[in-house]
Amino acid sequence: MNQPTSPATPVTPAQQERYDRVVAAAAEVLSAGGVDAVQMKDLAQRAGVSLATLYRYFPSKEYVLLAVCLARFQEAARRVFAEVPPGDTIRDRVTSHLMREFGAQQREQRLTAALTQALTGTARSYSEMIEAVEHLHFQILRHVAAGGGQLTEQQQKLLSVVIDIFSAASRRWLAGTYSAAEARYQIEVGCELLELPDDVVDAELERAAPDVAIGRVG
């Protein structure tokens, strides 16, 4: 589905500052009351901007949620990219990172539920924003997985599978299908895939079918 409205992009420092105020205010509202608590008029007042300015940069509530999600991953990327991730193996590094990420989701369950709803909505009205979030999440995990080195093509494909497993476990926890312990178990088991030798991955790809890909490498 095409994006219904093209939002403006902040250009000047003043515009960026107003944009960031809206994102920060929205995150606070989401953390306290969830997605239903976000009202555009109230959000404009909280951020100290006019309603016209708000809609110029954030054409809908859905877009606000995606902007909050992207901002959170951008902040995570700044922290993660500034260091060499600890851990002796790719499995250790990715498991540790995803457990911290899941822990953060548990601490901010209302916010997590709202952002997950925006990312997995059936309409996908703002596909470019959603793809930007998904791409950045992959880049963060790829940096963590590499641990200062390089990943093989097979490892990158498996990393996409691990991210899918993590996302599914998180969604089931939010829905109440999984307990937190069950979600952590699923994440840990998924990370074990990263220890598969490249020749095993190649064999599985060939066995599956030449036109079947494990996942997108971003």
C-alpha atoms as a PDB file:
ATOM      1  CA  MET A   1       0.000   0.000   0.000  1.00  0.00           C
ATOM      2  CA  ASN A   2       1.351   3.423  -0.882  1.00  0.00           C
ATOM      3  CA  GLN A   3       2.091   5.856   1.887  1.00  0.00           C
ATOM      4  CA  PRO A   4      -1.022   8.066   2.082  1.00  0.00           C
ATOM      5  CA  THR A   5       0.747  11.272   3.101  1.00  0.00           C
ATOM      6  CA  SER A   6       4.369  12.287   2.625  1.00  0.00           C
ATOM      7  CA  PRO A   7       5.646  13.747   5.898  1.00  0.00           C
ATOM      8  CA  ALA A   8       8.093  16.630   5.899  1.00  0.00           C
ATOM      9  CA  THR A   9      11.686  15.961   6.860  1.00  0.00           C
ATOM     10  CA  PRO A  10      13.401  18.210   9.441  1.00  0.00           C
ATOM     11  CA  VAL A  11      16.110  20.281   7.784  1.00  0.00           C
ATOM     12  CA  THR A  12      17.167  22.987  10.206  1.00  0.00           C
ATOM     13  CA  PRO A  13      18.355  22.425  13.798  1.00  0.00           C
ATOM     14  CA  ALA A  14      15.180  24.113  15.062  1.00  0.00           C
ATOM     15  CA  GLN A  15      12.991  21.772  13.028  1.00  0.00           C
ATOM     16  CA  GLN A  16      14.935  18.753  14.250  1.00  0.00           C
ATOM     17  CA  GLU A  17      14.579  19.946  17.839  1.00  0.00           C
ATOM     18  CA  ARG A  18      10.794  20.205  17.482  1.00  0.00           C
ATOM     19  CA  TYR A  19      10.680  16.796  15.809  1.00  0.00           C
ATOM     20  CA  ASP A  20      12.687  15.249  18.638  1.00  0.00           C
ATOM     21  CA  ARG A  21      10.413  16.856  21.242  1.00  0.00           C
ATOM     22  CA  VAL A  22       7.400  15.197  19.663  1.00  0.00           C
ATOM     23  CA  VAL A  23       9.119  11.800  19.599  1.00  0.00           C
ATOM     24  CA  ALA A  24      10.198  12.140  23.230  1.00  0.00           C
ATOM     25  CA  ALA A  25       6.709  13.215  24.331  1.00  0.00           C
ATOM     26  CA  ALA A  26       5.116  10.339  22.425  1.00  0.00           C
ATOM     27  CA  ALA A  27       7.478   7.827  24.057  1.00  0.00           C
ATOM     28  CA  GLU A  28       6.512   9.108  27.494  1.00  0.00           C
ATOM     29  CA  VAL A  29       2.798   8.840  26.735  1.00  0.00           C
ATOM     30  CA  LEU A  30       3.178   5.353  25.292  1.00  0.00           C
ATOM     31  CA  SER A  31       5.170   4.151  28.295  1.00  0.00           C
ATOM     32  CA  ALA A  32       2.533   5.447  30.686  1.00  0.00           C
ATOM     33  CA  GLY A  33      -0.690   4.602  28.899  1.00  0.00           C
ATOM     34  CA  GLY A  34      -0.072   2.612  25.733  1.00  0.00           C
ATOM     35  CA  VAL A  35      -1.214   3.379  22.219  1.00  0.00           C
ATOM     36  CA  ASP A  36      -4.733   4.456  23.203  1.00  0.00           C
ATOM     37  CA  ALA A  37      -3.289   7.265  25.319  1.00  0.00           C
ATOM     38  CA  VAL A  38      -1.714   8.959  22.297  1.00  0.00           C
ATOM     39  CA  GLN A  39      -3.955  11.766  21.053  1.00  0.00           C
ATOM     40  CA  MET A  40      -2.548  14.098  18.420  1.00  0.00           C
ATOM     41  CA  LYS A  41      -3.877  17.333  19.957  1.00  0.00           C
ATOM     42  CA  ASP A  42      -2.573  16.404  23.403  1.00  0.00           C
ATOM     43  CA  LEU A  43       0.752  15.323  21.913  1.00  0.00           C
ATOM     44  CA  ALA A  44       1.196  18.696  20.206  1.00  0.00           C
ATOM     45  CA  GLN A  45       0.577  20.467  23.513  1.00  0.00           C
ATOM     46  CA  ARG A  46       3.003  18.232  25.381  1.00  0.00           C
ATOM     47  CA  ALA A  47       5.722  18.813  22.789  1.00  0.00           C
ATOM     48  CA  GLY A  48       5.088  22.556  22.602  1.00  0.00           C
ATOM     49  CA  VAL A  49       4.312  22.625  18.871  1.00  0.00           C
ATOM     50  CA  SER A  50       1.246  23.621  16.905  1.00  0.00           C
ATOM     51  CA  LEU A  51      -1.107  20.927  15.682  1.00  0.00           C
ATOM     52  CA  ALA A  52      -0.318  21.972  12.106  1.00  0.00           C
ATOM     53  CA  THR A  53       3.399  21.479  12.740  1.00  0.00           C
ATOM     54  CA  LEU A  54       2.737  18.088  14.307  1.00  0.00           C
ATOM     55  CA  TYR A  55       0.776  16.858  11.286  1.00  0.00           C
ATOM     56  CA  ARG A  56       3.380  18.266   8.930  1.00  0.00           C
ATOM     57  CA  TYR A  57       5.994  15.874  10.275  1.00  0.00           C
ATOM     58  CA  PHE A  58       3.732  13.144  11.666  1.00  0.00           C
ATOM     59  CA  PRO A  59       0.696  12.654   9.402  1.00  0.00           C
ATOM     60  CA  SER A  60      -0.915   9.997  11.615  1.00  0.00           C
ATOM     61  CA  LYS A  61      -0.688   8.293  14.981  1.00  0.00           C
ATOM     62  CA  GLU A  62       0.752   5.229  13.247  1.00  0.00           C
ATOM     63  CA  TYR A  63       3.580   7.355  11.884  1.00  0.00           C
ATOM     64  CA  VAL A  64       4.264   8.747  15.357  1.00  0.00           C
ATOM     65  CA  LEU A  65       4.666   5.190  16.681  1.00  0.00           C
ATOM     66  CA  LEU A  66       7.051   4.271  13.885  1.00  0.00           C
ATOM     67  CA  ALA A  67       9.068   7.433  14.479  1.00  0.00           C
ATOM     68  CA  VAL A  68       9.417   6.506  18.156  1.00  0.00           C
ATOM     69  CA  CYS A  69      10.485   2.997  17.186  1.00  0.00           C
ATOM     70  CA  LEU A  70      13.073   4.235  14.696  1.00  0.00           C
ATOM     71  CA  ALA A  71      14.432   6.757  17.194  1.00  0.00           C
ATOM     72  CA  ARG A  72      14.901   4.020  19.787  1.00  0.00           C
ATOM     73  CA  PHE A  73      16.811   1.823  17.364  1.00  0.00           C
ATOM     74  CA  GLN A  74      18.916   4.795  16.242  1.00  0.00           C
ATOM     75  CA  GLU A  75      19.881   5.454  19.854  1.00  0.00           C
ATOM     76  CA  ALA A  76      20.638   1.757  20.368  1.00  0.00           C
ATOM     77  CA  ALA A  77      22.777   1.778  17.227  1.00  0.00           C
ATOM     78  CA  ARG A  78      24.819   4.741  18.486  1.00  0.00           C
ATOM     79  CA  ARG A  79      25.605   2.856  21.678  1.00  0.00           C
ATOM     80  CA  VAL A  80      26.257  -0.523  20.100  1.00  0.00           C
ATOM     81  CA  PHE A  81      28.361   0.729  17.171  1.00  0.00           C
ATOM     82  CA  ALA A  82      30.650   2.618  19.553  1.00  0.00           C
ATOM     83  CA  GLU A  83      32.037  -0.566  21.095  1.00  0.00           C
ATOM     84  CA  VAL A  84      33.267  -4.035  20.264  1.00  0.00           C
ATOM     85  CA  PRO A  85      30.590  -6.384  21.632  1.00  0.00           C
ATOM     86  CA  PRO A  86      31.852  -8.745  24.356  1.00  0.00           C
ATOM     87  CA  GLY A  87      31.635 -12.511  24.023  1.00  0.00           C
ATOM     88  CA  ASP A  88      33.809 -15.335  22.737  1.00  0.00           C
ATOM     89  CA  THR A  89      31.386 -16.725  20.137  1.00  0.00           C
ATOM     90  CA  ILE A  90      28.747 -15.385  17.775  1.00  0.00           C
ATOM     91  CA  ARG A  91      26.135 -17.278  19.756  1.00  0.00           C
ATOM     92  CA  ASP A  92      27.269 -15.759  23.052  1.00  0.00           C
ATOM     93  CA  ARG A  93      27.261 -12.229  21.680  1.00  0.00           C
ATOM     94  CA  VAL A  94      23.872 -12.398  19.982  1.00  0.00           C
ATOM     95  CA  THR A  95      22.209 -14.248  22.860  1.00  0.00           C
ATOM     96  CA  SER A  96      23.469 -11.681  25.359  1.00  0.00           C
ATOM     97  CA  HIS A  97      22.288  -8.761  23.226  1.00  0.00           C
ATOM     98  CA  LEU A  98      18.829 -10.197  22.530  1.00  0.00           C
ATOM     99  CA  MET A  99      18.322 -11.043  26.183  1.00  0.00           C
ATOM    100  CA  ARG A 100      19.077  -7.434  27.083  1.00  0.00           C
ATOM    101  CA  GLU A 101      16.692  -6.275  24.364  1.00  0.00           C
ATOM    102  CA  PHE A 102      13.958  -8.573  25.657  1.00  0.00           C
ATOM    103  CA  GLY A 103      14.628  -7.380  29.186  1.00  0.00           C
ATOM    104  CA  ALA A 104      14.077  -3.795  28.031  1.00  0.00           C
ATOM    105  CA  GLN A 105      10.818  -4.857  26.410  1.00  0.00           C
ATOM    106  CA  GLN A 106       9.671  -6.385  29.700  1.00  0.00           C
ATOM    107  CA  ARG A 107      10.449  -3.182  31.588  1.00  0.00           C
ATOM    108  CA  GLU A 108       8.413  -1.124  29.098  1.00  0.00           C
ATOM    109  CA  GLN A 109       5.653  -3.529  28.135  1.00  0.00           C
ATOM    110  CA  ARG A 110       3.099  -0.900  27.106  1.00  0.00           C
ATOM    111  CA  LEU A 111       5.600   0.868  24.896  1.00  0.00           C
ATOM    112  CA  THR A 112       6.767  -2.428  23.399  1.00  0.00           C
ATOM    113  CA  ALA A 113       3.192  -3.489  22.649  1.00  0.00           C
ATOM    114  CA  ALA A 114       2.448  -0.191  20.915  1.00  0.00           C
ATOM    115  CA  LEU A 115       5.575  -0.258  18.764  1.00  0.00           C
ATOM    116  CA  THR A 116       5.091  -3.912  17.880  1.00  0.00           C
ATOM    117  CA  GLN A 117       1.539  -3.121  16.796  1.00  0.00           C
ATOM    118  CA  ALA A 118       2.824  -0.371  14.516  1.00  0.00           C
ATOM    119  CA  LEU A 119       5.510  -2.578  12.964  1.00  0.00           C
ATOM    120  CA  THR A 120       3.279  -5.585  12.361  1.00  0.00           C
ATOM    121  CA  GLY A 121       0.059  -3.806  11.344  1.00  0.00           C
ATOM    122  CA  THR A 122      -1.555  -5.371   8.318  1.00  0.00           C
ATOM    123  CA  ALA A 123      -1.861  -2.070   6.443  1.00  0.00           C
ATOM    124  CA  ARG A 124       1.877  -1.313   6.423  1.00  0.00           C
ATOM    125  CA  SER A 125       0.933   2.169   5.220  1.00  0.00           C
ATOM    126  CA  TYR A 126       4.432   3.494   5.838  1.00  0.00           C
ATOM    127  CA  SER A 127       6.472   0.658   4.379  1.00  0.00           C
ATOM    128  CA  GLU A 128       9.643   2.736   3.970  1.00  0.00           C
ATOM    129  CA  MET A 129       9.693   3.609   7.667  1.00  0.00           C
ATOM    130  CA  ILE A 130       9.033   0.001   8.652  1.00  0.00           C
ATOM    131  CA  GLU A 131      11.811  -1.219   6.378  1.00  0.00           C
ATOM    132  CA  ALA A 132      14.178   1.369   7.870  1.00  0.00           C
ATOM    133  CA  VAL A 133      13.447   0.057  11.370  1.00  0.00           C
ATOM    134  CA  GLU A 134      13.897  -3.566  10.304  1.00  0.00           C
ATOM    135  CA  HIS A 135      17.118  -2.757   8.439  1.00  0.00           C
ATOM    136  CA  LEU A 136      18.589  -0.899  11.407  1.00  0.00           C
ATOM    137  CA  HIS A 137      17.698  -3.760  13.757  1.00  0.00           C
ATOM    138  CA  PHE A 138      19.551  -6.139  11.453  1.00  0.00           C
ATOM    139  CA  GLN A 139      22.588  -3.826  11.260  1.00  0.00           C
ATOM    140  CA  ILE A 140      22.765  -3.694  15.049  1.00  0.00           C
ATOM    141  CA  LEU A 141      22.604  -7.472  15.364  1.00  0.00           C
ATOM    142  CA  ARG A 142      25.138  -7.925  12.576  1.00  0.00           C
ATOM    143  CA  HIS A 143      27.600  -5.661  14.402  1.00  0.00           C
ATOM    144  CA  VAL A 144      27.035  -7.583  17.617  1.00  0.00           C
ATOM    145  CA  ALA A 145      27.369 -10.941  15.899  1.00  0.00           C
ATOM    146  CA  ALA A 146      30.607 -10.001  14.116  1.00  0.00           C
ATOM    147  CA  GLY A 147      32.293  -8.947  17.365  1.00  0.00           C
ATOM    148  CA  GLY A 148      34.779  -6.771  15.529  1.00  0.00           C
ATOM    149  CA  GLY A 149      35.331  -9.312  12.755  1.00  0.00           C
ATOM    150  CA  GLN A 150      33.429 -10.422   9.681  1.00  0.00           C
ATOM    151  CA  LEU A 151      30.422 -12.684   9.212  1.00  0.00           C
ATOM    152  CA  THR A 152      30.114 -15.282   6.492  1.00  0.00           C
ATOM    153  CA  GLU A 153      27.195 -15.070   4.106  1.00  0.00           C
ATOM    154  CA  GLN A 154      25.667 -18.115   5.776  1.00  0.00           C
ATOM    155  CA  GLN A 155      25.943 -16.523   9.214  1.00  0.00           C
ATOM    156  CA  GLN A 156      24.192 -13.404   7.964  1.00  0.00           C
ATOM    157  CA  LYS A 157      21.359 -15.532   6.592  1.00  0.00           C
ATOM    158  CA  LEU A 158      21.064 -17.383   9.884  1.00  0.00           C
ATOM    159  CA  LEU A 159      21.064 -14.073  11.731  1.00  0.00           C
ATOM    160  CA  SER A 160      17.903 -13.109   9.831  1.00  0.00           C
ATOM    161  CA  VAL A 161      16.291 -16.334  11.038  1.00  0.00           C
ATOM    162  CA  VAL A 162      17.323 -15.602  14.616  1.00  0.00           C
ATOM    163  CA  ILE A 163      15.780 -12.130  14.417  1.00  0.00           C
ATOM    164  CA  ASP A 164      12.530 -13.662  13.168  1.00  0.00           C
ATOM    165  CA  ILE A 165      12.558 -16.142  16.066  1.00  0.00           C
ATOM    166  CA  PHE A 166      13.217 -13.330  18.533  1.00  0.00           C
ATOM    167  CA  SER A 167      10.386 -11.223  17.116  1.00  0.00           C
ATOM    168  CA  ALA A 168       7.952 -14.139  17.187  1.00  0.00           C
ATOM    169  CA  ALA A 169       8.854 -15.002  20.795  1.00  0.00           C
ATOM    170  CA  SER A 170       8.401 -11.357  21.799  1.00  0.00           C
ATOM    171  CA  ARG A 171       4.991 -11.141  20.115  1.00  0.00           C
ATOM    172  CA  ARG A 172       3.812 -14.341  21.800  1.00  0.00           C
ATOM    173  CA  TRP A 173       4.948 -13.000  25.167  1.00  0.00           C
ATOM    174  CA  LEU A 174       3.021  -9.780  24.550  1.00  0.00           C
ATOM    175  CA  ALA A 175      -0.061 -11.788  23.569  1.00  0.00           C
ATOM    176  CA  GLY A 176       0.202 -13.889  26.723  1.00  0.00           C
ATOM    177  CA  THR A 177       0.813 -17.098  24.771  1.00  0.00           C
ATOM    178  CA  TYR A 178       4.335 -17.393  26.197  1.00  0.00           C
ATOM    179  CA  SER A 179       5.582 -16.597  29.653  1.00  0.00           C
ATOM    180  CA  ALA A 180       8.745 -14.512  29.831  1.00  0.00           C
ATOM    181  CA  ALA A 181      10.697 -17.687  30.638  1.00  0.00           C
ATOM    182  CA  GLU A 182       9.276 -19.470  27.594  1.00  0.00           C
ATOM    183  CA  ALA A 183      10.143 -16.503  25.370  1.00  0.00           C
ATOM    184  CA  ARG A 184      13.719 -16.452  26.683  1.00  0.00           C
ATOM    185  CA  TYR A 185      13.998 -20.189  26.025  1.00  0.00           C
ATOM    186  CA  GLN A 186      12.856 -19.728  22.418  1.00  0.00           C
ATOM    187  CA  ILE A 187      15.390 -16.934  21.930  1.00  0.00           C
ATOM    188  CA  GLU A 188      18.215 -19.039  23.373  1.00  0.00           C
ATOM    189  CA  VAL A 189      17.334 -22.015  21.176  1.00  0.00           C
ATOM    190  CA  GLY A 190      17.144 -19.768  18.126  1.00  0.00           C
ATOM    191  CA  CYS A 191      20.618 -18.406  18.815  1.00  0.00           C
ATOM    192  CA  GLU A 192      21.997 -21.946  18.753  1.00  0.00           C
ATOM    193  CA  LEU A 193      21.462 -21.917  14.984  1.00  0.00           C
ATOM    194  CA  LEU A 194      24.370 -19.502  14.709  1.00  0.00           C
ATOM    195  CA  GLU A 195      26.762 -22.318  15.604  1.00  0.00           C
ATOM    196  CA  LEU A 196      25.816 -24.383  12.552  1.00  0.00           C
ATOM    197  CA  PRO A 197      28.809 -24.906  10.215  1.00  0.00           C
ATOM    198  CA  ASP A 198      28.610 -23.184   6.841  1.00  0.00           C
ATOM    199  CA  ASP A 199      28.580 -26.499   4.967  1.00  0.00           C
ATOM    200  CA  VAL A 200      25.523 -27.605   6.944  1.00  0.00           C
ATOM    201  CA  VAL A 201      23.736 -24.371   6.084  1.00  0.00           C
ATOM    202  CA  ASP A 202      24.672 -24.754   2.405  1.00  0.00           C
ATOM    203  CA  ALA A 203      23.367 -28.318   2.381  1.00  0.00           C
ATOM    204  CA  GLU A 204      20.081 -27.280   3.946  1.00  0.00           C
ATOM    205  CA  LEU A 205      19.643 -24.465   1.430  1.00  0.00           C
ATOM    206  CA  GLU A 206      20.276 -26.844  -1.440  1.00  0.00           C
ATOM    207  CA  ARG A 207      17.949 -29.451   0.033  1.00  0.00           C
ATOM    208  CA  ALA A 208      15.141 -26.972   0.570  1.00  0.00           C
ATOM    209  CA  ALA A 209      15.061 -25.655  -3.016  1.00  0.00           C
ATOM    210  CA  PRO A 210      17.169 -23.294  -5.100  1.00  0.00           C
ATOM    211  CA  ASP A 211      14.481 -20.595  -4.991  1.00  0.00           C
ATOM    212  CA  VAL A 212      14.039 -20.661  -1.200  1.00  0.00           C
ATOM    213  CA  ALA A 213      16.089 -18.171   0.819  1.00  0.00           C
ATOM    214  CA  ILE A 214      16.570 -18.331   4.546  1.00  0.00           C
ATOM    215  CA  GLY A 215      16.079 -14.614   4.891  1.00  0.00           C
ATOM    216  CA  ARG A 216      16.981 -11.204   3.585  1.00  0.00           C
ATOM    217  CA  VAL A 217      20.483 -10.001   4.234  1.00  0.00           C
ATOM    218  CA  GLY A 218      20.283  -6.254   4.829  1.00  0.00           C
END
